[in-house]
Amino acid sequence: MSDIFAQMSSQLFTLLRLEKHQVKITIGKKMVKVNIRTVEMSAAEIHFPENLFQHFCLPIQPYKFHAIYKKEINSLFLGPIIGLVTDFKNNKNDQPHFGSIHNFCEELHHGITEKGGFLYIFSYLNFSVQGYYFDAGIWKPAELPLPDVIYNRIHSRRMEFGKEYQLFRQKLAELCIPLFNDRFLSKWEVHEHLIHENHLHSYIPDTNIFTKDNLTAFAEKYETLFIKPVHGSQGRNIFKMYKENNLYSLESSVTSAAENKFTNLSFEEIYCLLKPWLNNRIYIIQQGIPLLTYQSRGMDYRVLCHKNHQNSWNVTSVVARISAENEFVSNIARGGEIMTPLNALRESMSVSDAKVVITQMKDLAIETAMIIGRKTAGITGELGIDIGIDQEGKPWIIEVNSKPSKNFEDGQMKLRPSAKAIIQFCTKLAIDTTSELEDS
């Protein structure tokens, strides 16, 4: 490019400790040499000419960015540019709709704009061609800069197994763009990671892969069992099997099933009933724990954990999930409701005991997140950990989700805790990656 000039306030020039009036500016994955003219302004600002916006593939608008100057290489990083990858369709107005995370995307945009940075949403099928940024109340399509970091919110496991997604991941590796929470975790994978930690054994329900022999062994050993798809989510396609008078009953969360409950069956009848439903897919069998209930409805707790800017795990929120009437799963997608953990536990114990249990849950969730984060490939920055409390007040790890629902937090808040945590972690990843690339 021919000489490009940008105006910078004297205040910012001094603040950044710039020594030269020509500097390399990096935004996203693009870098350009810019001649700086210092001018007196009331704020710490840099003013780009139109052609510099175009070079960086940025819509022409005001930005609030983090600015980091590296004296040894005379380079100024502005950002971060954060990409959120998901699958979506356009509505009848030809506007993109991001499914269950649509409102959350808007919230992230506002949070990132306020904290410093630029967010856009894209499909991995159109990566580096088109993304959507939020402006004047709508998501607008544009060619946008390659991001510094990508947050994965693809809704479909099948898509993540597909060839196109694998090629997308390969391309990110070549471009040195960090992708966090790069895939769904399977229930068996999570179990295998946790069960090898001796200090966690007593918090993990007995679990095995579904086979007839394993089902026989579990049915002899436990009053209640849960049979869950290894790759399932949102409480779908789960079966609850329990003993009644030496016979068995089976309940199902399969929405397409004509009947959801079968009673007084022999073991063989139960097995024959299950086989066509399981349809040769991999399922696990999990020991049923007699958990505390709320007004005779099933109850567990979703503990959201995020990594912070120091790379340590924190609990971001805890909610009690109460199952709908006549449902044995507590997922909101299945008609469940949420309440504060203290209110939910107060029905079963004193406030002081409830506070102790909540602290134990948080500690167990952080320990779980640390182990999963350490043992899974790629970058893990967010986990939803489902914990049940038994009738003795002891916590049990029920499930771990790498793409937790965004429907469990207080939607009345301007910026919910998980959005703040994600922005903080994305910013850390972007700055770390930029520093590594510039140092290499």
Protein backbone atom coordinates (compact mmCIF):
# COMPACT_ATOMS: atom_id res chain seq x y z
CA MET A 1 0.00 0.00 0.00
CA SER A 2 1.09 3.58 -0.58
CA ASP A 3 1.75 5.76 2.44
CA ILE A 4 -1.20 5.79 4.81
CA PHE A 5 -1.63 8.42 7.47
CA ALA A 6 -3.71 8.23 10.63
CA GLN A 7 -4.26 10.86 13.26
CA MET A 8 -3.57 9.97 16.88
CA SER A 9 -4.14 12.12 19.93
CA SER A 10 -0.92 13.25 21.59
CA GLN A 11 -2.37 11.85 24.80
CA LEU A 12 -2.64 8.32 23.30
CA PHE A 13 0.79 8.58 21.64
CA THR A 14 2.30 9.29 25.07
CA LEU A 15 0.13 6.71 26.85
CA LEU A 16 1.24 3.93 24.48
CA ARG A 17 4.87 5.10 24.74
CA LEU A 18 5.26 5.20 20.97
CA GLU A 19 8.70 6.31 19.88
CA LYS A 20 8.30 6.42 16.11
CA HIS A 21 5.75 8.11 13.91
CA GLN A 22 5.58 5.10 11.61
CA VAL A 23 4.13 1.99 13.26
CA LYS A 24 2.81 -1.43 12.18
CA ILE A 25 -0.87 -1.67 13.14
CA THR A 26 -2.41 -5.15 13.48
CA ILE A 27 -6.17 -5.76 13.51
CA GLY A 28 -7.34 -9.36 13.25
CA LYS A 29 -4.83 -11.12 11.01
CA LYS A 30 -3.95 -8.05 8.93
CA MET A 31 -1.02 -5.72 9.46
CA VAL A 32 -0.21 -2.42 7.73
CA LYS A 33 2.46 0.25 8.21
CA VAL A 34 0.83 3.54 9.15
CA ASN A 35 2.32 7.01 9.47
CA ILE A 36 1.07 8.65 12.64
CA ARG A 37 0.30 12.36 12.88
CA THR A 38 -0.16 13.48 16.45
CA VAL A 39 -2.86 16.06 17.07
CA GLU A 40 -4.43 17.57 20.15
CA MET A 41 -7.73 15.86 20.99
CA SER A 42 -9.73 15.68 24.18
CA ALA A 43 -9.81 11.84 24.18
CA ALA A 44 -7.28 9.03 23.67
CA GLU A 45 -8.24 8.37 20.04
CA ILE A 46 -6.83 7.32 16.70
CA HIS A 47 -8.62 8.43 13.52
CA PHE A 48 -8.42 6.16 10.46
CA PRO A 49 -8.94 7.35 6.88
CA GLU A 50 -11.56 5.43 4.90
CA ASN A 51 -9.00 3.38 2.95
CA LEU A 52 -7.52 2.04 6.21
CA PHE A 53 -10.94 0.77 7.31
CA GLN A 54 -11.22 -0.93 3.92
CA HIS A 55 -7.78 -2.48 4.24
CA PHE A 56 -8.74 -4.02 7.58
CA CYS A 57 -12.20 -5.09 6.25
CA LEU A 58 -13.85 -3.10 9.04
CA PRO A 59 -17.23 -1.37 8.68
CA ILE A 60 -16.74 2.40 8.95
CA GLN A 61 -17.93 3.21 12.47
CA PRO A 62 -16.41 4.20 15.84
CA TYR A 63 -14.68 1.40 17.76
CA LYS A 64 -13.45 0.93 21.29
CA PHE A 65 -10.39 -1.35 21.16
CA HIS A 66 -7.73 -2.63 23.50
CA ALA A 67 -4.37 -1.21 22.37
CA ILE A 68 -1.07 -2.94 23.05
CA TYR A 69 2.22 -1.56 21.74
CA LYS A 70 5.28 -3.80 21.41
CA LYS A 71 8.30 -1.51 21.33
CA GLU A 72 10.82 -4.18 20.25
CA ILE A 73 8.98 -4.82 16.98
CA ASN A 74 7.29 -1.39 16.70
CA SER A 75 3.86 -3.03 16.43
CA LEU A 76 0.49 -1.80 17.70
CA PHE A 77 -2.26 -4.41 18.28
CA LEU A 78 -5.86 -3.15 18.22
CA GLY A 79 -8.71 -5.49 19.08
CA PRO A 80 -9.78 -8.10 19.80
CA ILE A 81 -11.77 -9.22 16.77
CA ILE A 82 -13.96 -12.05 18.10
CA GLY A 83 -15.73 -14.49 15.81
CA LEU A 84 -18.62 -16.67 16.98
CA VAL A 85 -19.14 -19.70 14.75
CA THR A 86 -22.58 -21.30 14.63
CA ASP A 87 -25.13 -22.76 12.24
CA PHE A 88 -28.15 -20.65 11.33
CA LYS A 89 -30.84 -19.88 8.79
CA ASN A 90 -32.31 -16.63 7.56
CA ASN A 91 -35.89 -15.75 8.54
CA LYS A 92 -38.62 -14.53 6.17
CA ASN A 93 -37.14 -11.00 6.27
CA ASP A 94 -33.83 -12.47 5.08
CA GLN A 95 -32.34 -11.71 8.49
CA PRO A 96 -30.11 -14.35 10.09
CA HIS A 97 -31.51 -16.10 13.17
CA PHE A 98 -28.95 -17.78 15.40
CA GLY A 99 -31.37 -20.21 17.03
CA SER A 100 -31.26 -20.68 20.80
CA ILE A 101 -28.30 -18.25 21.16
CA HIS A 102 -29.78 -15.39 19.09
CA ASN A 103 -30.40 -13.08 22.06
CA PHE A 104 -27.11 -14.10 23.63
CA CYS A 105 -25.25 -13.03 20.47
CA GLU A 106 -26.81 -9.58 20.72
CA GLU A 107 -25.85 -9.41 24.39
CA LEU A 108 -22.26 -10.43 23.55
CA HIS A 109 -22.13 -7.70 20.90
CA HIS A 110 -23.16 -5.02 23.40
CA GLY A 111 -20.75 -6.36 26.04
CA ILE A 112 -17.78 -6.53 23.66
CA THR A 113 -18.53 -3.08 22.23
CA GLU A 114 -18.56 -1.68 25.77
CA LYS A 115 -15.48 -3.56 27.04
CA GLY A 116 -13.43 -3.14 23.86
CA GLY A 117 -13.48 -5.23 20.70
CA PHE A 118 -15.60 -6.23 17.72
CA LEU A 119 -17.84 -9.30 17.43
CA TYR A 120 -19.25 -10.97 14.39
CA ILE A 121 -21.18 -14.19 13.79
CA PHE A 122 -20.41 -16.55 10.93
CA SER A 123 -20.97 -20.04 9.54
CA TYR A 124 -17.91 -22.24 9.14
CA LEU A 125 -19.13 -22.89 5.58
CA ASN A 126 -18.62 -19.16 4.78
CA PHE A 127 -15.53 -18.54 6.90
CA SER A 128 -13.34 -15.70 5.55
CA VAL A 129 -16.06 -14.82 3.01
CA GLN A 130 -18.94 -13.38 5.03
CA GLY A 131 -19.94 -12.67 8.60
CA TYR A 132 -22.70 -10.71 10.34
CA TYR A 133 -22.11 -7.73 12.61
CA PHE A 134 -24.75 -5.92 14.67
CA ASP A 135 -25.62 -2.37 13.68
CA ALA A 136 -28.74 -0.23 14.18
CA GLY A 137 -30.72 -3.15 15.60
CA ILE A 138 -30.01 -5.69 12.84
CA TRP A 139 -27.31 -8.17 11.86
CA LYS A 140 -25.67 -6.95 8.65
CA PRO A 141 -23.68 -9.15 6.25
CA ALA A 142 -20.18 -8.04 5.22
CA GLU A 143 -16.71 -9.26 4.42
CA LEU A 144 -15.01 -8.90 7.79
CA PRO A 145 -11.47 -9.34 9.17
CA LEU A 146 -10.19 -12.77 10.13
CA PRO A 147 -10.77 -12.96 13.90
CA ASP A 148 -8.17 -13.10 16.66
CA VAL A 149 -10.17 -15.80 18.44
CA ILE A 150 -13.27 -17.93 17.73
CA TYR A 151 -15.98 -19.10 20.15
CA ASN A 152 -17.73 -22.28 18.99
CA ARG A 153 -21.53 -22.39 19.39
CA ILE A 154 -22.45 -24.83 16.61
CA HIS A 155 -25.74 -26.46 17.65
CA SER A 156 -25.29 -29.81 15.89
CA ARG A 157 -22.96 -32.70 16.77
CA ARG A 158 -23.51 -34.11 13.29
CA MET A 159 -22.10 -30.93 11.74
CA GLU A 160 -19.03 -31.13 13.96
CA PHE A 161 -18.38 -34.67 12.73
CA GLY A 162 -18.67 -33.51 9.09
CA LYS A 163 -15.82 -33.07 6.63
CA GLU A 164 -16.43 -29.31 6.17
CA TYR A 165 -16.05 -28.63 9.89
CA GLN A 166 -12.84 -30.67 10.04
CA LEU A 167 -11.43 -28.64 7.12
CA PHE A 168 -12.46 -25.44 8.93
CA ARG A 169 -10.56 -26.53 12.07
CA GLN A 170 -7.53 -27.38 9.95
CA LYS A 171 -7.61 -23.91 8.39
CA LEU A 172 -7.76 -22.27 11.82
CA ALA A 173 -4.71 -24.25 12.93
CA GLU A 174 -2.82 -23.06 9.84
CA LEU A 175 -3.83 -19.44 10.57
CA CYS A 176 -2.97 -19.80 14.30
CA ILE A 177 -6.50 -18.68 15.28
CA PRO A 178 -7.51 -20.17 18.65
CA LEU A 179 -10.92 -21.88 18.73
CA PHE A 180 -12.33 -22.55 22.15
CA ASN A 181 -14.83 -25.24 23.11
CA ASP A 182 -14.08 -26.65 19.68
CA ARG A 183 -16.53 -29.58 19.94
CA PHE A 184 -19.24 -31.28 21.95
CA LEU A 185 -18.07 -33.74 24.61
CA SER A 186 -19.55 -37.24 24.76
CA LYS A 187 -20.92 -38.56 28.06
CA TRP A 188 -18.60 -41.57 27.98
CA GLU A 189 -15.55 -39.41 27.26
CA VAL A 190 -16.40 -37.21 30.27
CA HIS A 191 -16.88 -40.29 32.47
CA GLU A 192 -13.53 -41.75 31.37
CA HIS A 193 -11.73 -38.48 32.15
CA LEU A 194 -13.26 -38.18 35.62
CA ILE A 195 -13.28 -41.81 36.79
CA HIS A 196 -9.49 -42.01 36.63
CA GLU A 197 -9.28 -39.32 39.32
CA ASN A 198 -9.40 -41.34 42.55
CA HIS A 199 -10.53 -38.41 44.71
CA LEU A 200 -13.67 -38.01 42.55
CA HIS A 201 -14.83 -41.67 42.60
CA SER A 202 -17.37 -41.15 45.37
CA TYR A 203 -19.03 -38.27 43.46
CA ILE A 204 -19.57 -40.15 40.17
CA PRO A 205 -22.55 -42.48 39.61
CA ASP A 206 -21.60 -45.98 38.43
CA THR A 207 -21.64 -45.81 34.61
CA ASN A 208 -21.00 -48.20 31.73
CA ILE A 209 -21.68 -48.63 28.01
CA PHE A 210 -25.11 -50.11 27.24
CA THR A 211 -24.99 -53.84 26.46
CA LYS A 212 -27.39 -56.57 27.53
CA ASP A 213 -24.82 -57.96 29.99
CA ASN A 214 -24.14 -54.53 31.50
CA LEU A 215 -27.87 -53.80 31.76
CA THR A 216 -28.38 -57.15 33.54
CA ALA A 217 -25.59 -56.37 36.02
CA PHE A 218 -26.86 -52.83 36.71
CA ALA A 219 -30.49 -54.00 37.07
CA GLU A 220 -29.41 -56.53 39.73
CA LYS A 221 -27.33 -53.93 41.56
CA TYR A 222 -29.49 -50.76 41.54
CA GLU A 223 -33.15 -49.93 42.08
CA THR A 224 -33.12 -47.21 39.40
CA LEU A 225 -31.10 -46.78 36.19
CA PHE A 226 -30.85 -44.11 33.53
CA ILE A 227 -30.04 -45.00 29.93
CA LYS A 228 -28.70 -42.01 27.99
CA PRO A 229 -27.35 -41.43 24.47
CA VAL A 230 -23.59 -40.86 24.52
CA HIS A 231 -24.02 -37.87 22.17
CA GLY A 232 -27.36 -36.61 23.52
CA SER A 233 -28.31 -33.19 24.87
CA GLN A 234 -31.28 -31.22 26.25
CA GLY A 235 -32.75 -34.26 28.01
CA ARG A 236 -33.76 -35.98 24.77
CA ASN A 237 -34.01 -39.77 24.30
CA ILE A 238 -33.33 -40.68 27.93
CA PHE A 239 -34.87 -43.74 29.62
CA LYS A 240 -35.48 -44.32 33.31
CA MET A 241 -35.73 -47.97 34.38
CA TYR A 242 -36.72 -48.98 37.91
CA LYS A 243 -37.81 -52.02 39.94
CA GLU A 244 -41.35 -52.44 41.24
CA ASN A 245 -42.34 -55.70 42.98
CA ASN A 246 -39.64 -57.77 41.23
CA LEU A 247 -40.77 -56.44 37.86
CA TYR A 248 -39.57 -53.38 35.96
CA SER A 249 -40.99 -50.09 34.76
CA LEU A 250 -39.62 -47.89 32.00
CA GLU A 251 -40.16 -44.17 31.44
CA SER A 252 -39.01 -42.33 28.36
CA SER A 253 -38.26 -38.72 27.42
CA VAL A 254 -38.61 -39.63 23.72
CA THR A 255 -41.01 -36.99 22.43
CA SER A 256 -42.13 -39.08 19.44
CA ALA A 257 -43.08 -42.07 21.60
CA ALA A 258 -46.82 -42.78 21.68
CA GLU A 259 -46.46 -43.97 25.27
CA ASN A 260 -43.90 -42.64 27.71
CA LYS A 261 -44.37 -45.15 30.53
CA PHE A 262 -44.45 -48.95 30.62
CA THR A 263 -45.03 -50.95 33.82
CA ASN A 264 -44.89 -54.51 35.17
CA LEU A 265 -42.48 -55.85 32.58
CA SER A 266 -39.88 -58.59 32.85
CA PHE A 267 -36.22 -57.81 32.18
CA GLU A 268 -36.45 -59.44 28.72
CA GLU A 269 -39.52 -57.36 27.86
CA ILE A 270 -37.72 -54.18 28.91
CA TYR A 271 -34.68 -55.09 26.84
CA CYS A 272 -36.80 -55.89 23.76
CA LEU A 273 -38.62 -52.58 24.22
CA LEU A 274 -35.36 -50.62 24.40
CA LYS A 275 -33.51 -52.21 21.48
CA PRO A 276 -35.45 -50.63 18.57
CA TRP A 277 -35.44 -47.22 20.30
CA LEU A 278 -31.69 -47.31 20.80
CA ASN A 279 -31.37 -48.22 17.11
CA ASN A 280 -27.72 -49.39 17.37
CA ARG A 281 -26.60 -45.98 18.66
CA ILE A 282 -24.18 -45.89 21.59
CA TYR A 283 -25.85 -45.37 24.97
CA ILE A 284 -24.56 -45.38 28.53
CA ILE A 285 -26.21 -46.88 31.61
CA GLN A 286 -25.97 -44.73 34.74
CA GLN A 287 -26.77 -45.63 38.32
CA GLY A 288 -29.84 -43.76 39.55
CA ILE A 289 -29.13 -41.71 42.68
CA PRO A 290 -32.03 -40.91 45.08
CA LEU A 291 -31.76 -37.13 44.75
CA LEU A 292 -33.52 -34.42 46.70
CA THR A 293 -36.73 -33.27 45.02
CA TYR A 294 -38.68 -30.02 45.07
CA GLN A 295 -42.41 -30.43 45.74
CA SER A 296 -42.07 -34.05 44.55
CA ARG A 297 -40.52 -32.94 41.24
CA GLY A 298 -37.05 -33.92 40.05
CA MET A 299 -34.28 -31.43 40.77
CA ASP A 300 -30.63 -30.90 39.88
CA TYR A 301 -28.27 -27.93 39.60
CA ARG A 302 -26.55 -26.37 36.60
CA VAL A 303 -23.20 -24.87 37.62
CA LEU A 304 -21.68 -22.68 34.90
CA CYS A 305 -17.89 -22.48 34.98
CA HIS A 306 -15.62 -20.24 32.90
CA LYS A 307 -11.92 -19.61 32.65
CA ASN A 308 -10.85 -16.09 33.57
CA HIS A 309 -8.05 -13.85 32.26
CA GLN A 310 -5.60 -15.66 34.57
CA ASN A 311 -6.55 -19.00 33.00
CA SER A 312 -8.20 -20.17 36.25
CA TRP A 313 -11.68 -21.68 36.49
CA ASN A 314 -14.43 -19.70 38.25
CA VAL A 315 -18.08 -20.47 38.98
CA THR A 316 -20.14 -17.94 37.04
CA SER A 317 -23.64 -18.96 38.13
CA VAL A 318 -25.58 -21.73 39.87
CA VAL A 319 -29.27 -22.45 39.31
CA ALA A 320 -31.60 -25.18 40.49
CA ARG A 321 -33.49 -26.89 37.66
CA ILE A 322 -36.89 -28.28 38.59
CA SER A 323 -38.49 -30.82 36.27
CA ALA A 324 -41.96 -30.28 34.81
CA GLU A 325 -44.86 -32.30 36.24
CA ASN A 326 -44.59 -35.98 35.20
CA GLU A 327 -41.13 -35.47 33.70
CA PHE A 328 -38.00 -37.10 35.11
CA VAL A 329 -35.53 -34.78 33.32
CA SER A 330 -35.09 -31.20 34.53
CA ASN A 331 -33.97 -29.58 31.27
CA ILE A 332 -35.64 -26.27 30.40
CA ALA A 333 -36.07 -27.67 26.88
CA ARG A 334 -38.34 -30.33 28.47
CA GLY A 335 -40.54 -27.82 30.29
CA GLY A 336 -38.47 -27.50 33.47
CA GLU A 337 -38.09 -24.28 35.43
CA ILE A 338 -35.25 -22.62 37.31
CA MET A 339 -34.89 -21.05 40.74
CA THR A 340 -32.09 -19.96 43.04
CA PRO A 341 -30.28 -22.90 44.69
CA LEU A 342 -30.89 -21.50 48.16
CA ASN A 343 -34.66 -21.35 47.66
CA ALA A 344 -34.68 -24.86 46.18
CA LEU A 345 -32.65 -26.38 49.03
CA ARG A 346 -34.55 -24.61 51.82
CA GLU A 347 -37.41 -27.09 51.38
CA SER A 348 -35.08 -29.91 52.50
CA MET A 349 -32.63 -28.30 54.96
CA SER A 350 -31.76 -25.22 56.99
CA VAL A 351 -30.37 -22.11 55.30
CA SER A 352 -26.95 -22.64 56.90
CA ASP A 353 -26.80 -26.28 55.68
CA ALA A 354 -27.96 -25.18 52.22
CA LYS A 355 -25.11 -22.64 52.03
CA VAL A 356 -22.60 -25.39 52.90
CA VAL A 357 -24.04 -27.63 50.15
CA ILE A 358 -23.87 -24.79 47.59
CA THR A 359 -20.19 -24.21 48.47
CA GLN A 360 -19.52 -27.96 48.06
CA MET A 361 -21.23 -27.90 44.66
CA LYS A 362 -19.11 -24.98 43.50
CA ASP A 363 -15.88 -26.64 44.69
CA LEU A 364 -16.81 -29.92 42.96
CA ALA A 365 -17.71 -28.08 39.74
CA ILE A 366 -14.38 -26.21 39.65
CA GLU A 367 -12.45 -29.44 40.28
CA THR A 368 -14.43 -31.14 37.49
CA ALA A 369 -13.83 -28.24 35.08
CA MET A 370 -10.09 -28.28 35.81
CA ILE A 371 -9.85 -32.01 35.02
CA ILE A 372 -11.96 -31.84 31.84
CA GLY A 373 -10.07 -28.76 30.67
CA ARG A 374 -6.74 -30.48 31.27
CA LYS A 375 -7.65 -33.81 29.69
CA THR A 376 -9.58 -32.78 26.57
CA ALA A 377 -7.77 -31.69 23.42
CA GLY A 378 -8.03 -28.07 22.34
CA ILE A 379 -9.00 -25.05 24.42
CA THR A 380 -11.82 -25.41 26.95
CA GLY A 381 -13.06 -22.13 28.39
CA GLU A 382 -16.68 -22.82 29.32
CA LEU A 383 -18.47 -25.80 30.88
CA GLY A 384 -21.94 -26.42 32.28
CA ILE A 385 -21.75 -29.01 35.07
CA ASP A 386 -24.94 -30.73 36.21
CA ILE A 387 -24.87 -31.76 39.86
CA GLY A 388 -27.48 -33.64 41.87
CA ILE A 389 -27.77 -33.55 45.68
CA ASP A 390 -28.76 -36.83 47.33
CA GLN A 391 -30.95 -37.21 50.40
CA GLU A 392 -27.89 -37.08 52.66
CA GLY A 393 -26.91 -33.70 51.17
CA LYS A 394 -23.99 -35.11 49.17
CA PRO A 395 -23.27 -33.77 45.64
CA TRP A 396 -23.01 -36.07 42.58
CA ILE A 397 -21.65 -35.20 39.13
CA ILE A 398 -24.44 -36.07 36.69
CA GLU A 399 -23.21 -34.59 33.39
CA VAL A 400 -20.75 -32.10 31.89
CA ASN A 401 -21.68 -29.94 28.87
CA SER A 402 -19.18 -28.06 26.68
CA LYS A 403 -21.90 -25.89 25.12
CA PRO A 404 -24.19 -25.07 28.02
CA SER A 405 -27.57 -23.52 27.34
CA LYS A 406 -27.85 -19.76 27.73
CA ASN A 407 -31.37 -20.01 29.19
CA PHE A 408 -30.38 -20.64 32.80
CA GLU A 409 -29.21 -17.19 33.85
CA ASP A 410 -31.13 -14.09 34.82
CA GLY A 411 -32.24 -12.65 31.49
CA GLN A 412 -33.11 -9.32 33.15
CA MET A 413 -29.46 -8.45 33.66
CA LYS A 414 -27.89 -6.09 31.15
CA LEU A 415 -24.88 -8.39 30.76
CA ARG A 416 -25.17 -11.80 32.36
CA PRO A 417 -22.11 -13.29 34.11
CA SER A 418 -21.40 -15.90 31.41
CA ALA A 419 -21.25 -13.19 28.71
CA LYS A 420 -18.79 -11.18 30.82
CA ALA A 421 -16.66 -14.29 31.38
CA ILE A 422 -16.60 -15.22 27.69
CA ILE A 423 -15.59 -11.68 26.68
CA GLN A 424 -12.79 -11.73 29.26
CA PHE A 425 -11.50 -15.15 28.13
CA CYS A 426 -11.69 -14.25 24.42
CA THR A 427 -9.73 -11.06 25.07
CA LYS A 428 -7.06 -13.01 26.97
CA LEU A 429 -6.74 -15.60 24.16
CA ALA A 430 -6.52 -12.90 21.50
CA ILE A 431 -3.82 -10.94 23.33
CA ASP A 432 -1.84 -14.10 24.20
CA THR A 433 -1.94 -15.34 20.60
CA THR A 434 -0.91 -11.95 19.19
CA SER A 435 2.01 -11.79 21.63
CA GLU A 436 3.15 -15.32 20.72
CA LEU A 437 3.00 -14.61 16.98
CA GLU A 438 4.87 -11.33 17.32
CA ASP A 439 7.53 -12.92 19.54
CA SER A 440 8.11 -15.79 17.11
